[in-house]
PDB file of N, CA and C in Angstrom:
ATOM      1  N   MET A   1      82.273  73.545 120.670  1.00  0.00           N
ATOM      2  CA  MET A   1      81.616  74.238 121.526  1.00  0.00           C
ATOM      3  C   MET A   1      80.260  73.845 121.874  1.00  0.00           C
ATOM      4  N   ALA A   2      79.539  73.450 120.933  1.00  0.00           N
ATOM      5  CA  ALA A   2      78.131  73.178 121.007  1.00  0.00           C
ATOM      6  C   ALA A   2      77.926  71.989 121.957  1.00  0.00           C
ATOM      7  N   ASP A   3      78.896  71.108 122.029  1.00  0.00           N
ATOM      8  CA  ASP A   3      78.671  69.953 122.815  1.00  0.00           C
ATOM      9  C   ASP A   3      78.822  70.026 124.329  1.00  0.00           C
ATOM     10  N   ASN A   4      79.438  71.255 124.751  1.00  0.00           N
ATOM     11  CA  ASN A   4      79.624  71.503 126.158  1.00  0.00           C
ATOM     12  C   ASN A   4      78.939  72.877 126.472  1.00  0.00           C
ATOM     13  N   PRO A   5      77.786  72.972 126.903  1.00  0.00           N
ATOM     14  CA  PRO A   5      77.094  74.224 127.082  1.00  0.00           C
ATOM     15  C   PRO A   5      77.602  75.005 128.157  1.00  0.00           C
ATOM     16  N   ASN A   6      78.362  74.414 129.187  1.00  0.00           N
ATOM     17  CA  ASN A   6      79.057  75.212 130.292  1.00  0.00           C
ATOM     18  C   ASN A   6      80.269  75.828 129.923  1.00  0.00           C
ATOM     19  N   ARG A   7      80.787  75.606 128.760  1.00  0.00           N
ATOM     20  CA  ARG A   7      82.082  76.205 128.331  1.00  0.00           C
ATOM     21  C   ARG A   7      81.875  77.641 127.927  1.00  0.00           C
ATOM     22  N   GLU A   8      82.784  78.457 128.440  1.00  0.00           N
ATOM     23  CA  GLU A   8      82.677  79.931 127.944  1.00  0.00           C
ATOM     24  C   GLU A   8      83.306  80.094 126.597  1.00  0.00           C
ATOM     25  N   PRO A   9      82.647  80.948 125.822  1.00  0.00           N
ATOM     26  CA  PRO A   9      83.337  81.044 124.420  1.00  0.00           C
ATOM     27  C   PRO A   9      84.630  81.763 124.404  1.00  0.00           C
ATOM     28  N   SER A  10      85.038  82.373 125.442  1.00  0.00           N
ATOM     29  CA  SER A  10      86.273  82.962 125.525  1.00  0.00           C
ATOM     30  C   SER A  10      87.327  82.057 126.114  1.00  0.00           C
ATOM     31  N   ASP A  11      87.098  80.879 126.493  1.00  0.00           N
ATOM     32  CA  ASP A  11      87.968  79.914 126.991  1.00  0.00           C
ATOM     33  C   ASP A  11      88.918  79.291 125.955  1.00  0.00           C
ATOM     34  N   ALA A  12      88.348  79.157 124.870  1.00  0.00           N
ATOM     35  CA  ALA A  12      89.175  78.477 123.644  1.00  0.00           C
ATOM     36  C   ALA A  12      89.477  79.368 122.492  1.00  0.00           C
ATOM     37  N   HIS A  13      90.567  79.263 121.924  1.00  0.00           N
ATOM     38  CA  HIS A  13      90.906  79.816 120.825  1.00  0.00           C
ATOM     39  C   HIS A  13      90.490  79.190 119.675  1.00  0.00           C
ATOM     40  N   SER A  14      89.929  79.927 118.666  1.00  0.00           N
ATOM     41  CA  SER A  14      89.551  79.250 117.315  1.00  0.00           C
ATOM     42  C   SER A  14      90.725  79.148 116.531  1.00  0.00           C
ATOM     43  N   SER A  15      90.897  78.116 115.824  1.00  0.00           N
ATOM     44  CA  SER A  15      92.049  77.777 115.046  1.00  0.00           C
ATOM     45  C   SER A  15      92.282  78.969 113.976  1.00  0.00           C
ATOM     46  N   GLU A  16      91.025  79.518 113.412  1.00  0.00           N
ATOM     47  CA  GLU A  16      91.407  80.669 112.491  1.00  0.00           C
ATOM     48  C   GLU A  16      91.964  81.910 113.166  1.00  0.00           C
ATOM     49  N   GLY A  17      91.485  82.060 114.377  1.00  0.00           N
ATOM     50  CA  GLY A  17      91.924  83.282 115.129  1.00  0.00           C
ATOM     51  C   GLY A  17      93.392  83.157 115.550  1.00  0.00           C
ATOM     52  N   VAL A  18      93.821  81.895 115.964  1.00  0.00           N
ATOM     53  CA  VAL A  18      95.362  81.635 116.260  1.00  0.00           C
ATOM     54  C   VAL A  18      95.963  81.740 115.036  1.00  0.00           C
ATOM     55  N   ALA A  19      95.632  81.186 113.951  1.00  0.00           N
ATOM     56  CA  ALA A  19      96.488  81.166 112.696  1.00  0.00           C
ATOM     57  C   ALA A  19      96.673  82.677 112.170  1.00  0.00           C
ATOM     58  N   GLY A  20      95.561  83.434 112.327  1.00  0.00           N
ATOM     59  CA  GLY A  20      95.596  84.902 111.847  1.00  0.00           C
ATOM     60  C   GLY A  20      96.587  85.720 112.751  1.00  0.00           C
ATOM     61  N   ALA A  21      96.487  85.292 113.883  1.00  0.00           N
ATOM     62  CA  ALA A  21      97.396  86.127 114.955  1.00  0.00           C
ATOM     63  C   ALA A  21      98.892  85.742 114.732  1.00  0.00           C
ATOM     64  N   VAL A  22      99.081  84.498 114.543  1.00  0.00           N
ATOM     65  CA  VAL A  22     100.545  84.088 114.339  1.00  0.00           C
ATOM     66  C   VAL A  22     100.997  84.762 112.988  1.00  0.00           C
ATOM     67  N   LEU A  23     100.274  84.656 111.948  1.00  0.00           N
ATOM     68  CA  LEU A  23     100.560  85.243 110.737  1.00  0.00           C
ATOM     69  C   LEU A  23     100.814  86.678 110.834  1.00  0.00           C
ATOM     70  N   GLY A  24      99.798  87.382 111.482  1.00  0.00           N
ATOM     71  CA  GLY A  24     100.015  88.829 111.701  1.00  0.00           C
ATOM     72  C   GLY A  24     101.115  89.178 112.515  1.00  0.00           C
ATOM     73  N   TYR A  25     101.433  88.593 113.532  1.00  0.00           N
ATOM     74  CA  TYR A  25     102.687  88.838 114.306  1.00  0.00           C
ATOM     75  C   TYR A  25     104.074  88.701 113.463  1.00  0.00           C
ATOM     76  N   LEU A  26     103.939  87.533 112.795  1.00  0.00           N
ATOM     77  CA  LEU A  26     105.245  87.149 112.166  1.00  0.00           C
ATOM     78  C   LEU A  26     105.398  88.376 110.963  1.00  0.00           C
ATOM     79  N   LEU A  27     104.321  88.537 110.197  1.00  0.00           N
ATOM     80  CA  LEU A  27     104.458  89.609 109.118  1.00  0.00           C
ATOM     81  C   LEU A  27     104.847  90.995 109.606  1.00  0.00           C
ATOM     82  N   ALA A  28     104.142  91.287 110.655  1.00  0.00           N
ATOM     83  CA  ALA A  28     104.282  92.723 111.051  1.00  0.00           C
ATOM     84  C   ALA A  28     105.603  92.791 111.727  1.00  0.00           C
ATOM     85  N   GLY A  29     106.202  91.887 112.542  1.00  0.00           N
ATOM     86  CA  GLY A  29     107.532  91.861 113.004  1.00  0.00           C
ATOM     87  C   GLY A  29     108.512  91.994 112.054  1.00  0.00           C
ATOM     88  N   ILE A  30     108.323  91.215 111.063  1.00  0.00           N
ATOM     89  CA  ILE A  30     109.449  91.190 110.058  1.00  0.00           C
ATOM     90  C   ILE A  30     109.346  92.426 109.118  1.00  0.00           C
ATOM     91  N   LEU A  31     108.228  92.789 108.775  1.00  0.00           N
ATOM     92  CA  LEU A  31     108.137  94.106 107.962  1.00  0.00           C
ATOM     93  C   LEU A  31     108.545  95.276 108.840  1.00  0.00           C
ATOM     94  N   VAL A  32     108.229  95.538 110.001  1.00  0.00           N
ATOM     95  CA  VAL A  32     108.413  96.613 110.847  1.00  0.00           C
ATOM     96  C   VAL A  32     109.930  96.827 111.090  1.00  0.00           C
ATOM     97  N   TRP A  33     110.615  95.688 111.635  1.00  0.00           N
ATOM     98  CA  TRP A  33     111.868  95.627 111.931  1.00  0.00           C
ATOM     99  C   TRP A  33     112.690  95.719 110.680  1.00  0.00           C
ATOM    100  N   GLY A  34     112.225  95.103 109.637  1.00  0.00           N
ATOM    101  CA  GLY A  34     112.980  95.240 108.374  1.00  0.00           C
ATOM    102  C   GLY A  34     113.068  96.660 107.872  1.00  0.00           C
ATOM    103  N   PHE A  35     111.908  97.378 108.064  1.00  0.00           N
ATOM    104  CA  PHE A  35     111.995  98.778 107.722  1.00  0.00           C
ATOM    105  C   PHE A  35     112.920  99.542 108.531  1.00  0.00           C
ATOM    106  N   LEU A  36     112.874  99.252 109.792  1.00  0.00           N
ATOM    107  CA  LEU A  36     113.847  99.868 110.899  1.00  0.00           C
ATOM    108  C   LEU A  36     115.236  99.625 110.475  1.00  0.00           C
ATOM    109  N   GLY A  37     115.538  98.474 110.066  1.00  0.00           N
ATOM    110  CA  GLY A  37     117.010  98.207 109.607  1.00  0.00           C
ATOM    111  C   GLY A  37     117.371  98.876 108.388  1.00  0.00           C
ATOM    112  N   TRP A  38     116.367  99.041 107.482  1.00  0.00           N
ATOM    113  CA  TRP A  38     116.565  99.794 106.235  1.00  0.00           C
ATOM    114  C   TRP A  38     116.850 101.372 106.558  1.00  0.00           C
ATOM    115  N   LEU A  39     115.980 101.888 107.515  1.00  0.00           N
ATOM    116  CA  LEU A  39     116.336 103.319 108.010  1.00  0.00           C
ATOM    117  C   LEU A  39     117.746 103.311 108.603  1.00  0.00           C
ATOM    118  N   ALA A  40     118.182 102.320 109.321  1.00  0.00           N
ATOM    119  CA  ALA A  40     119.502 102.356 110.006  1.00  0.00           C
ATOM    120  C   ALA A  40     120.599 102.324 108.916  1.00  0.00           C
ATOM    121  N   GLU A  41     120.370 101.542 107.758  1.00  0.00           N
ATOM    122  CA  GLU A  41     121.240 101.616 106.596  1.00  0.00           C
ATOM    123  C   GLU A  41     121.351 103.119 105.950  1.00  0.00           C
ATOM    124  N   ARG A  42     120.277 103.802 105.807  1.00  0.00           N
ATOM    125  CA  ARG A  42     120.221 105.106 105.231  1.00  0.00           C
ATOM    126  C   ARG A  42     120.784 106.130 106.139  1.00  0.00           C
ATOM    127  N   PHE A  43     120.557 106.062 107.371  1.00  0.00           N
ATOM    128  CA  PHE A  43     120.846 107.276 108.174  1.00  0.00           C
ATOM    129  C   PHE A  43     122.132 106.986 108.993  1.00  0.00           C
ATOM    130  N   LEU A  44     122.559 105.837 109.346  1.00  0.00           N
ATOM    131  CA  LEU A  44     123.633 105.362 110.274  1.00  0.00           C
ATOM    132  C   LEU A  44     124.706 104.878 109.551  1.00  0.00           C
ATOM    133  N   GLY A  45     124.707 104.738 108.268  1.00  0.00           N
ATOM    134  CA  GLY A  45     125.831 104.115 107.597  1.00  0.00           C
ATOM    135  C   GLY A  45     126.061 102.729 107.639  1.00  0.00           C
ATOM    136  N   VAL A  46     125.155 102.033 108.034  1.00  0.00           N
ATOM    137  CA  VAL A  46     125.314 100.471 108.026  1.00  0.00           C
ATOM    138  C   VAL A  46     125.451  99.968 106.669  1.00  0.00           C
ATOM    139  N   PRO A  47     126.357  99.146 106.344  1.00  0.00           N
ATOM    140  CA  PRO A  47     126.535  98.460 105.097  1.00  0.00           C
ATOM    141  C   PRO A  47     125.172  97.950 104.458  1.00  0.00           C
ATOM    142  N   ALA A  48     125.143  98.091 103.049  1.00  0.00           N
ATOM    143  CA  ALA A  48     123.825  97.730 102.475  1.00  0.00           C
ATOM    144  C   ALA A  48     123.489  96.153 102.658  1.00  0.00           C
ATOM    145  N   GLY A  49     122.260  95.925 103.086  1.00  0.00           N
ATOM    146  CA  GLY A  49     121.722  94.668 103.257  1.00  0.00           C
ATOM    147  C   GLY A  49     121.787  94.207 104.722  1.00  0.00           C
ATOM    148  N   VAL A  50     122.815  94.617 105.421  1.00  0.00           N
ATOM    149  CA  VAL A  50     123.056  94.184 106.640  1.00  0.00           C
ATOM    150  C   VAL A  50     122.029  94.671 107.607  1.00  0.00           C
ATOM    151  N   GLY A  51     121.462  95.888 107.673  1.00  0.00           N
ATOM    152  CA  GLY A  51     120.541  96.443 108.524  1.00  0.00           C
ATOM    153  C   GLY A  51     119.214  95.748 108.158  1.00  0.00           C
ATOM    154  N   ILE A  52     118.885  95.643 106.943  1.00  0.00           N
ATOM    155  CA  ILE A  52     117.535  94.912 106.742  1.00  0.00           C
ATOM    156  C   ILE A  52     117.579  93.546 107.258  1.00  0.00           C
ATOM    157  N   ALA A  53     118.663  92.745 106.949  1.00  0.00           N
ATOM    158  CA  ALA A  53     118.721  91.361 107.432  1.00  0.00           C
ATOM    159  C   ALA A  53     118.682  91.251 108.912  1.00  0.00           C
ATOM    160  N   VAL A  54     119.531  92.020 109.614  1.00  0.00           N
ATOM    161  CA  VAL A  54     119.379  92.043 111.155  1.00  0.00           C
ATOM    162  C   VAL A  54     117.985  92.494 111.636  1.00  0.00           C
ATOM    163  N   GLY A  55     117.538  93.523 111.001  1.00  0.00           N
ATOM    164  CA  GLY A  55     116.120  93.814 111.511  1.00  0.00           C
ATOM    165  C   GLY A  55     115.039  92.868 111.258  1.00  0.00           C
ATOM    166  N   MET A  56     115.133  92.137 110.087  1.00  0.00           N
ATOM    167  CA  MET A  56     114.112  91.153 109.837  1.00  0.00           C
ATOM    168  C   MET A  56     114.213  89.905 110.755  1.00  0.00           C
ATOM    169  N   MET A  57     115.564  89.564 111.055  1.00  0.00           N
ATOM    170  CA  MET A  57     115.802  88.438 111.986  1.00  0.00           C
ATOM    171  C   MET A  57     115.290  88.955 113.501  1.00  0.00           C
ATOM    172  N   LEU A  58     115.560  90.018 113.984  1.00  0.00           N
ATOM    173  CA  LEU A  58     115.102  90.712 115.264  1.00  0.00           C
ATOM    174  C   LEU A  58     113.619  90.579 115.330  1.00  0.00           C
ATOM    175  N   GLY A  59     112.979  91.056 114.219  1.00  0.00           N
ATOM    176  CA  GLY A  59     111.526  91.066 114.064  1.00  0.00           C
ATOM    177  C   GLY A  59     110.883  89.705 114.211  1.00  0.00           C
ATOM    178  N   ALA A  60     111.430  88.646 113.357  1.00  0.00           N
ATOM    179  CA  ALA A  60     110.979  87.461 113.523  1.00  0.00           C
ATOM    180  C   ALA A  60     111.066  86.778 115.073  1.00  0.00           C
ATOM    181  N   ALA A  61     112.329  87.090 115.560  1.00  0.00           N
ATOM    182  CA  ALA A  61     112.566  86.446 116.781  1.00  0.00           C
ATOM    183  C   ALA A  61     111.557  87.127 117.890  1.00  0.00           C
ATOM    184  N   ALA A  62     111.465  88.400 117.770  1.00  0.00           N
ATOM    185  CA  ALA A  62     110.344  89.120 118.678  1.00  0.00           C
ATOM    186  C   ALA A  62     108.878  88.587 118.495  1.00  0.00           C
ATOM    187  N   ALA A  63     108.624  88.303 117.057  1.00  0.00           N
ATOM    188  CA  ALA A  63     107.212  87.822 116.877  1.00  0.00           C
ATOM    189  C   ALA A  63     107.075  86.454 117.418  1.00  0.00           C
ATOM    190  N   ILE A  64     108.180  85.722 117.421  1.00  0.00           N
ATOM    191  CA  ILE A  64     107.971  84.237 117.919  1.00  0.00           C
ATOM    192  C   ILE A  64     107.812  84.338 119.380  1.00  0.00           C
ATOM    193  N   TYR A  65     108.520  85.126 119.957  1.00  0.00           N
ATOM    194  CA  TYR A  65     108.434  85.452 121.617  1.00  0.00           C
ATOM    195  C   TYR A  65     107.124  85.784 121.861  1.00  0.00           C
ATOM    196  N   LEU A  66     106.450  86.796 121.095  1.00  0.00           N
ATOM    197  CA  LEU A  66     105.158  87.295 121.429  1.00  0.00           C
ATOM    198  C   LEU A  66     104.142  86.140 121.107  1.00  0.00           C
ATOM    199  N   ILE A  67     104.234  85.476 120.305  1.00  0.00           N
ATOM    200  CA  ILE A  67     103.313  84.310 119.798  1.00  0.00           C
ATOM    201  C   ILE A  67     103.364  83.194 121.077  1.00  0.00           C
ATOM    202  N   MET A  68     104.546  82.894 121.464  1.00  0.00           N
ATOM    203  CA  MET A  68     104.672  81.948 122.648  1.00  0.00           C
ATOM    204  C   MET A  68     104.042  82.450 123.752  1.00  0.00           C
ATOM    205  N   LYS A  69     104.452  83.927 124.006  1.00  0.00           N
ATOM    206  CA  LYS A  69     103.759  84.366 125.286  1.00  0.00           C
ATOM    207  C   LYS A  69     102.247  84.457 125.168  1.00  0.00           C
ATOM    208  N   ARG A  70     101.571  84.765 124.035  1.00  0.00           N
ATOM    209  CA  ARG A  70     100.195  84.788 123.920  1.00  0.00           C
ATOM    210  C   ARG A  70      99.563  83.440 124.126  1.00  0.00           C
ATOM    211  N   LEU A  71     100.152  82.487 123.424  1.00  0.00           N
ATOM    212  CA  LEU A  71      99.522  81.238 123.322  1.00  0.00           C
ATOM    213  C   LEU A  71      99.864  80.262 124.534  1.00  0.00           C
ATOM    214  N   GLY A  72     100.785  80.875 125.471  1.00  0.00           N
ATOM    215  CA  GLY A  72     101.190  80.176 126.779  1.00  0.00           C
ATOM    216  C   GLY A  72     101.948  78.978 126.517  1.00  0.00           C
ATOM    217  N   ALA A  73     102.652  78.967 125.397  1.00  0.00           N
ATOM    218  CA  ALA A  73     103.469  77.660 125.163  1.00  0.00           C
ATOM    219  C   ALA A  73     104.994  77.855 125.674  1.00  0.00           C
TER     220      ALA A  73
END
């Protein structure tokens, strides 16, 4: 950024910020939706392991969608 003084600091994503956001979205999505799947197992009678697995997959898919939406890919 030092080589172009006309460039706004908010125009570019730093690689550390992008990596942190990607990791944060993925971990949060998998953990939160995995927990919701576990709750579904406990209270709705979903077979053991199925709720967690489905929740984690949904969380990962939602996180990937949000990452792509945020980064404009």
